[in-house]
Amino acid sequence: MAVVLGLDYGLRRVGLAVSDPTGSLASGVGCHTSPQDGSILDRLGDLIRERSVERIVVGLPLTADGREGEMAQKARRFADRLAEAFALPVHLVDERYSSQEADAWLRKANRRPGRRRKPKGERDEIAAELILQQYLDSQSPDPRSTP
């Protein structure tokens, strides 16, 4: 597999994660906050070049019953912009519960001694990591299916 970039898209913040070169492990690499951090396309272009990204995954925020609301439509338009800007395959992944999972992870991590809260962007970075890991896991062959 190739290096994959995972994104948790939001109107103000976009969580960022990349896979390892084998395409098996996702790692958060930050959060882009608009407009303070400048152009999201410039930031992503830099990441794509630096990490030799060959594919992009964008979280699709479906409603609890699986329908697309306004935010899902915005995420789709963002994914279309990325495909056009970078000429890379862009995949959408159901991210219904990624933010809640990220919150649970942060609550657990913040209970450890010596741990202090991190900025709001950490939630988005963790959500991007979870979205990307879900995608990577769906692309790996099931080890139980090998003889």
N, C-alpha and C. Protein backbone atom coordinates (compact mmCIF):
# COMPACT_ATOMS: atom_id res chain seq x y z
N MET A 1 0.84 -1.18 0.00
CA MET A 1 0.00 0.00 0.00
C MET A 1 0.89 1.24 0.00
N ALA A 2 0.28 2.41 -0.11
CA ALA A 2 1.02 3.66 -0.17
C ALA A 2 0.67 4.54 1.02
N VAL A 3 1.38 5.65 1.16
CA VAL A 3 1.09 6.61 2.22
C VAL A 3 -0.25 7.27 1.92
N VAL A 4 -1.10 7.33 2.96
CA VAL A 4 -2.44 7.89 2.83
C VAL A 4 -2.57 9.04 3.81
N LEU A 5 -3.19 10.12 3.37
CA LEU A 5 -3.48 11.29 4.19
C LEU A 5 -4.93 11.21 4.64
N GLY A 6 -5.17 11.34 5.94
CA GLY A 6 -6.53 11.31 6.47
C GLY A 6 -6.91 12.65 7.05
N LEU A 7 -8.16 13.08 6.79
CA LEU A 7 -8.61 14.39 7.21
C LEU A 7 -9.95 14.31 7.94
N ASP A 8 -10.03 15.02 9.06
CA ASP A 8 -11.30 15.23 9.75
C ASP A 8 -11.70 16.66 9.42
N TYR A 9 -12.59 16.81 8.43
CA TYR A 9 -12.95 18.12 7.91
C TYR A 9 -13.92 18.84 8.83
N GLY A 10 -13.63 20.12 9.08
CA GLY A 10 -14.52 21.00 9.80
C GLY A 10 -14.44 22.39 9.20
N LEU A 11 -15.41 23.22 9.51
CA LEU A 11 -15.43 24.56 8.93
C LEU A 11 -14.28 25.42 9.42
N ARG A 12 -13.88 25.26 10.68
CA ARG A 12 -12.76 26.04 11.23
C ARG A 12 -11.48 25.24 11.33
N ARG A 13 -11.60 23.98 11.68
CA ARG A 13 -10.41 23.15 11.90
C ARG A 13 -10.48 21.88 11.05
N VAL A 14 -9.31 21.46 10.57
CA VAL A 14 -9.19 20.20 9.84
C VAL A 14 -8.11 19.39 10.54
N GLY A 15 -8.51 18.25 11.11
CA GLY A 15 -7.55 17.35 11.72
C GLY A 15 -6.77 16.61 10.65
N LEU A 16 -5.49 16.37 10.91
CA LEU A 16 -4.59 15.77 9.91
C LEU A 16 -3.92 14.51 10.46
N ALA A 17 -3.88 13.48 9.62
CA ALA A 17 -3.18 12.24 9.97
C ALA A 17 -2.58 11.66 8.70
N VAL A 18 -1.50 10.90 8.85
CA VAL A 18 -0.91 10.19 7.72
C VAL A 18 -0.63 8.75 8.13
N SER A 19 -0.57 7.90 7.12
CA SER A 19 -0.24 6.51 7.40
C SER A 19 1.26 6.31 7.28
N ASP A 20 1.71 5.18 7.78
CA ASP A 20 3.09 4.78 7.55
C ASP A 20 3.18 4.30 6.10
N PRO A 21 4.39 4.10 5.57
CA PRO A 21 4.54 3.70 4.16
C PRO A 21 3.88 2.35 3.82
N THR A 22 3.67 1.50 4.82
CA THR A 22 3.04 0.21 4.53
C THR A 22 1.51 0.33 4.48
N GLY A 23 1.00 1.48 4.88
CA GLY A 23 -0.45 1.68 4.87
C GLY A 23 -1.17 0.90 5.95
N SER A 24 -0.49 0.66 7.07
CA SER A 24 -1.13 -0.12 8.12
C SER A 24 -1.37 0.65 9.42
N LEU A 25 -0.67 1.77 9.63
CA LEU A 25 -0.79 2.49 10.89
C LEU A 25 -0.97 3.99 10.65
N ALA A 26 -2.01 4.56 11.24
CA ALA A 26 -2.28 6.00 11.13
C ALA A 26 -1.66 6.74 12.31
N SER A 27 -1.15 7.93 12.03
CA SER A 27 -0.59 8.79 13.08
C SER A 27 -1.05 10.22 12.84
N GLY A 28 -1.51 10.87 13.89
CA GLY A 28 -1.90 12.26 13.78
C GLY A 28 -0.69 13.14 13.53
N VAL A 29 -0.88 14.17 12.71
CA VAL A 29 0.23 15.09 12.40
C VAL A 29 -0.19 16.55 12.58
N GLY A 30 -1.27 16.78 13.33
CA GLY A 30 -1.64 18.16 13.63
C GLY A 30 -3.04 18.51 13.23
N CYS A 31 -3.27 19.81 13.29
CA CYS A 31 -4.58 20.36 12.99
C CYS A 31 -4.38 21.70 12.30
N HIS A 32 -5.14 21.94 11.27
CA HIS A 32 -5.09 23.22 10.55
C HIS A 32 -6.29 24.04 10.98
N THR A 33 -6.04 25.25 11.45
CA THR A 33 -7.12 26.14 11.86
C THR A 33 -7.21 27.30 10.88
N SER A 34 -8.39 27.48 10.31
CA SER A 34 -8.61 28.58 9.36
C SER A 34 -9.25 29.74 10.09
N PRO A 35 -8.91 30.96 9.76
CA PRO A 35 -7.94 31.39 8.75
C PRO A 35 -6.52 31.59 9.31
N GLN A 36 -6.33 31.40 10.62
CA GLN A 36 -5.04 31.69 11.25
C GLN A 36 -3.86 30.99 10.58
N ASP A 37 -4.05 29.75 10.16
CA ASP A 37 -2.94 28.96 9.62
C ASP A 37 -2.75 29.12 8.12
N GLY A 38 -3.49 30.03 7.50
CA GLY A 38 -3.35 30.23 6.07
C GLY A 38 -4.18 29.25 5.27
N SER A 39 -3.78 29.01 4.05
CA SER A 39 -4.54 28.17 3.13
C SER A 39 -4.41 26.68 3.48
N ILE A 40 -5.55 26.02 3.61
CA ILE A 40 -5.54 24.58 3.86
C ILE A 40 -4.94 23.84 2.67
N LEU A 41 -5.19 24.32 1.47
CA LEU A 41 -4.64 23.65 0.29
C LEU A 41 -3.11 23.74 0.27
N ASP A 42 -2.57 24.87 0.69
CA ASP A 42 -1.10 25.00 0.77
C ASP A 42 -0.55 24.02 1.79
N ARG A 43 -1.18 23.94 2.96
CA ARG A 43 -0.73 23.03 4.02
C ARG A 43 -0.78 21.59 3.55
N LEU A 44 -1.88 21.22 2.91
CA LEU A 44 -2.01 19.84 2.44
C LEU A 44 -1.02 19.55 1.31
N GLY A 45 -0.81 20.53 0.45
CA GLY A 45 0.17 20.35 -0.62
C GLY A 45 1.56 20.07 -0.07
N ASP A 46 1.93 20.80 0.99
CA ASP A 46 3.22 20.57 1.64
C ASP A 46 3.29 19.16 2.22
N LEU A 47 2.24 18.74 2.93
CA LEU A 47 2.21 17.40 3.52
C LEU A 47 2.29 16.31 2.44
N ILE A 48 1.56 16.52 1.37
CA ILE A 48 1.54 15.53 0.28
C ILE A 48 2.94 15.37 -0.31
N ARG A 49 3.61 16.48 -0.52
CA ARG A 49 4.99 16.41 -1.07
C ARG A 49 5.96 15.81 -0.06
N GLU A 50 5.92 16.30 1.19
CA GLU A 50 6.87 15.84 2.21
C GLU A 50 6.72 14.35 2.50
N ARG A 51 5.51 13.86 2.52
CA ARG A 51 5.24 12.47 2.91
C ARG A 51 5.01 11.53 1.73
N SER A 52 5.08 12.05 0.52
CA SER A 52 4.83 11.24 -0.69
C SER A 52 3.46 10.56 -0.63
N VAL A 53 2.46 11.35 -0.29
CA VAL A 53 1.08 10.85 -0.18
C VAL A 53 0.56 10.46 -1.56
N GLU A 54 -0.12 9.31 -1.63
CA GLU A 54 -0.67 8.84 -2.89
C GLU A 54 -2.19 8.73 -2.89
N ARG A 55 -2.79 8.98 -1.73
CA ARG A 55 -4.23 8.85 -1.60
C ARG A 55 -4.69 9.70 -0.42
N ILE A 56 -5.93 10.21 -0.50
CA ILE A 56 -6.48 11.05 0.57
C ILE A 56 -7.80 10.44 1.04
N VAL A 57 -8.02 10.49 2.35
CA VAL A 57 -9.27 10.02 2.95
C VAL A 57 -9.88 11.19 3.71
N VAL A 58 -11.15 11.46 3.45
CA VAL A 58 -11.87 12.53 4.13
C VAL A 58 -13.03 11.92 4.90
N GLY A 59 -13.17 12.29 6.16
CA GLY A 59 -14.29 11.81 6.96
C GLY A 59 -15.59 12.40 6.46
N LEU A 60 -16.61 11.55 6.33
CA LEU A 60 -17.94 11.97 5.90
C LEU A 60 -18.87 11.92 7.10
N PRO A 61 -19.27 13.09 7.63
CA PRO A 61 -20.08 13.13 8.84
C PRO A 61 -21.56 12.84 8.57
N LEU A 62 -21.90 11.57 8.56
CA LEU A 62 -23.29 11.17 8.36
C LEU A 62 -24.08 11.36 9.66
N THR A 63 -25.40 11.45 9.53
CA THR A 63 -26.24 11.52 10.72
C THR A 63 -26.27 10.13 11.37
N ALA A 64 -26.81 10.06 12.58
CA ALA A 64 -26.85 8.79 13.31
C ALA A 64 -27.57 7.70 12.52
N ASP A 65 -28.55 8.08 11.70
CA ASP A 65 -29.28 7.08 10.92
C ASP A 65 -28.68 6.87 9.52
N GLY A 66 -27.50 7.43 9.28
CA GLY A 66 -26.77 7.17 8.04
C GLY A 66 -27.08 8.12 6.89
N ARG A 67 -27.85 9.15 7.14
CA ARG A 67 -28.17 10.11 6.07
C ARG A 67 -27.12 11.22 6.01
N GLU A 68 -27.10 11.89 4.87
CA GLU A 68 -26.18 13.02 4.70
C GLU A 68 -26.89 14.32 5.01
N GLY A 69 -26.31 15.08 5.92
CA GLY A 69 -26.81 16.41 6.24
C GLY A 69 -25.96 17.46 5.56
N GLU A 70 -26.11 18.69 6.01
CA GLU A 70 -25.39 19.81 5.42
C GLU A 70 -23.88 19.66 5.54
N MET A 71 -23.39 19.20 6.70
CA MET A 71 -21.94 19.05 6.88
C MET A 71 -21.37 17.97 5.96
N ALA A 72 -22.12 16.91 5.75
CA ALA A 72 -21.65 15.85 4.84
C ALA A 72 -21.53 16.40 3.42
N GLN A 73 -22.47 17.23 3.02
CA GLN A 73 -22.40 17.83 1.68
C GLN A 73 -21.18 18.73 1.56
N LYS A 74 -20.87 19.46 2.63
CA LYS A 74 -19.68 20.33 2.62
C LYS A 74 -18.41 19.48 2.57
N ALA A 75 -18.39 18.37 3.28
CA ALA A 75 -17.23 17.48 3.24
C ALA A 75 -17.05 16.90 1.84
N ARG A 76 -18.15 16.55 1.18
CA ARG A 76 -18.07 16.06 -0.21
C ARG A 76 -17.48 17.12 -1.13
N ARG A 77 -17.94 18.35 -1.00
CA ARG A 77 -17.40 19.43 -1.85
C ARG A 77 -15.91 19.65 -1.58
N PHE A 78 -15.53 19.56 -0.31
CA PHE A 78 -14.11 19.68 0.06
C PHE A 78 -13.31 18.55 -0.58
N ALA A 79 -13.82 17.33 -0.52
CA ALA A 79 -13.14 16.18 -1.14
C ALA A 79 -12.99 16.39 -2.64
N ASP A 80 -14.02 16.92 -3.28
CA ASP A 80 -13.94 17.20 -4.72
C ASP A 80 -12.86 18.24 -5.02
N ARG A 81 -12.77 19.27 -4.17
CA ARG A 81 -11.72 20.29 -4.33
C ARG A 81 -10.33 19.67 -4.23
N LEU A 82 -10.17 18.75 -3.27
CA LEU A 82 -8.87 18.10 -3.08
C LEU A 82 -8.50 17.25 -4.29
N ALA A 83 -9.46 16.50 -4.79
CA ALA A 83 -9.20 15.65 -5.96
C ALA A 83 -8.76 16.49 -7.14
N GLU A 84 -9.40 17.63 -7.32
CA GLU A 84 -9.05 18.52 -8.42
C GLU A 84 -7.69 19.19 -8.19
N ALA A 85 -7.45 19.65 -6.98
CA ALA A 85 -6.22 20.39 -6.69
C ALA A 85 -4.97 19.51 -6.74
N PHE A 86 -5.11 18.24 -6.31
CA PHE A 86 -3.92 17.40 -6.16
C PHE A 86 -3.87 16.21 -7.12
N ALA A 87 -4.91 16.02 -7.90
CA ALA A 87 -4.96 14.91 -8.86
C ALA A 87 -4.62 13.57 -8.19
N LEU A 88 -5.20 13.37 -7.00
CA LEU A 88 -5.02 12.12 -6.25
C LEU A 88 -6.40 11.52 -6.00
N PRO A 89 -6.46 10.20 -5.83
CA PRO A 89 -7.74 9.60 -5.45
C PRO A 89 -8.14 10.08 -4.05
N VAL A 90 -9.40 10.44 -3.90
CA VAL A 90 -9.93 10.89 -2.62
C VAL A 90 -11.10 9.98 -2.25
N HIS A 91 -11.04 9.39 -1.06
CA HIS A 91 -12.06 8.47 -0.59
C HIS A 91 -12.79 9.10 0.60
N LEU A 92 -14.08 8.88 0.67
CA LEU A 92 -14.88 9.35 1.80
C LEU A 92 -15.14 8.18 2.72
N VAL A 93 -15.02 8.42 4.04
CA VAL A 93 -15.20 7.37 5.04
C VAL A 93 -16.22 7.85 6.07
N ASP A 94 -17.18 7.00 6.38
CA ASP A 94 -18.17 7.30 7.40
C ASP A 94 -17.45 7.61 8.71
N GLU A 95 -17.65 8.82 9.21
CA GLU A 95 -16.96 9.22 10.44
C GLU A 95 -17.95 9.57 11.53
N ARG A 96 -19.10 8.92 11.50
CA ARG A 96 -20.18 9.25 12.43
C ARG A 96 -19.76 9.43 13.87
N TYR A 97 -18.91 8.57 14.38
CA TYR A 97 -18.62 8.60 15.81
C TYR A 97 -17.15 8.93 16.12
N SER A 98 -16.41 9.41 15.13
CA SER A 98 -14.98 9.65 15.36
C SER A 98 -14.74 10.75 16.40
N SER A 99 -15.53 11.80 16.39
CA SER A 99 -15.32 12.88 17.38
C SER A 99 -15.64 12.40 18.78
N GLN A 100 -16.69 11.58 18.93
CA GLN A 100 -17.01 11.04 20.25
C GLN A 100 -15.92 10.09 20.72
N GLU A 101 -15.38 9.28 19.81
CA GLU A 101 -14.27 8.38 20.17
C GLU A 101 -13.04 9.20 20.58
N ALA A 102 -12.79 10.28 19.86
CA ALA A 102 -11.66 11.15 20.19
C ALA A 102 -11.86 11.77 21.57
N ASP A 103 -13.09 12.22 21.86
CA ASP A 103 -13.38 12.77 23.18
C ASP A 103 -13.14 11.74 24.29
N ALA A 104 -13.59 10.51 24.05
CA ALA A 104 -13.40 9.45 25.05
C ALA A 104 -11.92 9.19 25.27
N TRP A 105 -11.15 9.16 24.20
CA TRP A 105 -9.71 8.94 24.31
C TRP A 105 -9.06 10.07 25.11
N LEU A 106 -9.47 11.32 24.83
CA LEU A 106 -8.91 12.47 25.54
C LEU A 106 -9.27 12.45 27.02
N ARG A 107 -10.52 12.09 27.34
CA ARG A 107 -10.91 12.00 28.75
C ARG A 107 -10.05 10.99 29.48
N LYS A 108 -9.84 9.86 28.85
CA LYS A 108 -9.02 8.80 29.46
C LYS A 108 -7.57 9.28 29.62
N ALA A 109 -7.04 9.90 28.60
CA ALA A 109 -5.64 10.38 28.64
C ALA A 109 -5.47 11.49 29.67
N ASN A 110 -6.47 12.34 29.85
CA ASN A 110 -6.37 13.46 30.79
C ASN A 110 -6.47 13.01 32.24
N ARG A 111 -6.87 11.77 32.49
CA ARG A 111 -6.93 11.26 33.86
C ARG A 111 -5.57 10.78 34.35
N ARG A 112 -4.64 10.62 33.43
CA ARG A 112 -3.30 10.15 33.83
C ARG A 112 -2.58 11.25 34.61
N PRO A 113 -1.81 10.86 35.62
CA PRO A 113 -1.04 11.85 36.39
C PRO A 113 -0.09 12.63 35.49
N GLY A 114 -0.03 13.93 35.73
CA GLY A 114 0.90 14.76 34.97
C GLY A 114 0.39 15.17 33.61
N ARG A 115 -0.76 14.69 33.23
CA ARG A 115 -1.31 15.02 31.90
C ARG A 115 -2.09 16.33 32.00
N ARG A 116 -1.83 17.23 31.09
CA ARG A 116 -2.62 18.46 31.07
C ARG A 116 -3.37 18.53 29.74
N ARG A 117 -4.46 19.25 29.75
CA ARG A 117 -5.28 19.37 28.54
C ARG A 117 -4.47 19.99 27.40
N LYS A 118 -4.78 19.57 26.20
CA LYS A 118 -4.15 20.13 25.00
C LYS A 118 -5.17 20.99 24.27
N PRO A 119 -4.74 21.73 23.28
CA PRO A 119 -5.65 22.61 22.55
C PRO A 119 -6.78 21.84 21.87
N LYS A 120 -7.84 22.59 21.50
CA LYS A 120 -9.00 21.99 20.85
C LYS A 120 -8.63 21.18 19.62
N GLY A 121 -7.61 21.60 18.91
CA GLY A 121 -7.20 20.91 17.70
C GLY A 121 -6.78 19.47 17.92
N GLU A 122 -6.43 19.13 19.16
CA GLU A 122 -6.02 17.75 19.43
C GLU A 122 -7.17 16.78 19.15
N ARG A 123 -8.38 17.19 19.50
CA ARG A 123 -9.56 16.35 19.23
C ARG A 123 -9.68 16.08 17.73
N ASP A 124 -9.48 17.10 16.93
CA ASP A 124 -9.60 16.96 15.48
C ASP A 124 -8.48 16.09 14.91
N GLU A 125 -7.29 16.23 15.47
CA GLU A 125 -6.16 15.40 15.03
C GLU A 125 -6.43 13.93 15.35
N ILE A 126 -6.92 13.67 16.55
CA ILE A 126 -7.23 12.28 16.95
C ILE A 126 -8.36 11.73 16.08
N ALA A 127 -9.36 12.55 15.81
CA ALA A 127 -10.47 12.10 14.95
C ALA A 127 -9.95 11.75 13.56
N ALA A 128 -9.02 12.55 13.03
CA ALA A 128 -8.43 12.25 11.71
C ALA A 128 -7.68 10.93 11.75
N GLU A 129 -6.97 10.70 12.85
CA GLU A 129 -6.23 9.44 13.02
C GLU A 129 -7.20 8.26 13.05
N LEU A 130 -8.31 8.40 13.76
CA LEU A 130 -9.30 7.33 13.84
C LEU A 130 -9.95 7.06 12.49
N ILE A 131 -10.28 8.13 11.77
CA ILE A 131 -10.88 8.00 10.43
C ILE A 131 -9.92 7.26 9.51
N LEU A 132 -8.67 7.70 9.52
CA LEU A 132 -7.67 7.08 8.64
C LEU A 132 -7.43 5.62 9.03
N GLN A 133 -7.34 5.33 10.32
CA GLN A 133 -7.11 3.95 10.74
C GLN A 133 -8.27 3.05 10.32
N GLN A 134 -9.48 3.56 10.43
CA GLN A 134 -10.66 2.80 9.97
C GLN A 134 -10.53 2.47 8.48
N TYR A 135 -10.13 3.45 7.70
CA TYR A 135 -9.94 3.23 6.26
C TYR A 135 -8.84 2.20 6.01
N LEU A 136 -7.69 2.37 6.67
CA LEU A 136 -6.58 1.44 6.47
C LEU A 136 -6.98 0.02 6.83
N ASP A 137 -7.70 -0.13 7.95
CA ASP A 137 -8.14 -1.46 8.37
C ASP A 137 -9.08 -2.08 7.34
N SER A 138 -9.90 -1.25 6.71
CA SER A 138 -10.85 -1.78 5.71
C SER A 138 -10.13 -2.21 4.43
N GLN A 139 -8.92 -1.71 4.22
CA GLN A 139 -8.16 -2.05 3.01
C GLN A 139 -7.26 -3.26 3.19
N SER A 140 -7.00 -3.65 4.44
CA SER A 140 -6.11 -4.78 4.71
C SER A 140 -6.86 -6.08 4.55
N PRO A 141 -6.19 -7.07 4.01
CA PRO A 141 -6.84 -8.38 3.92
C PRO A 141 -7.07 -8.94 5.33
N ASP A 142 -8.14 -9.67 5.49
CA ASP A 142 -8.46 -10.30 6.78
C ASP A 142 -7.47 -11.42 7.02
N PRO A 143 -6.64 -11.35 8.08
CA PRO A 143 -5.63 -12.37 8.32
C PRO A 143 -6.25 -13.76 8.56
N ARG A 144 -7.51 -13.79 8.96
CA ARG A 144 -8.16 -15.09 9.20
C ARG A 144 -8.50 -15.80 7.91
N SER A 145 -8.47 -15.04 6.77
CA SER A 145 -8.87 -15.66 5.51
C SER A 145 -7.70 -16.33 4.78
N THR A 146 -6.49 -16.22 5.31
CA THR A 146 -5.35 -16.86 4.67
C THR A 146 -5.24 -18.30 5.14
N PRO A 147 -4.91 -19.21 4.24
CA PRO A 147 -4.84 -20.63 4.61
C PRO A 147 -3.67 -20.94 5.51
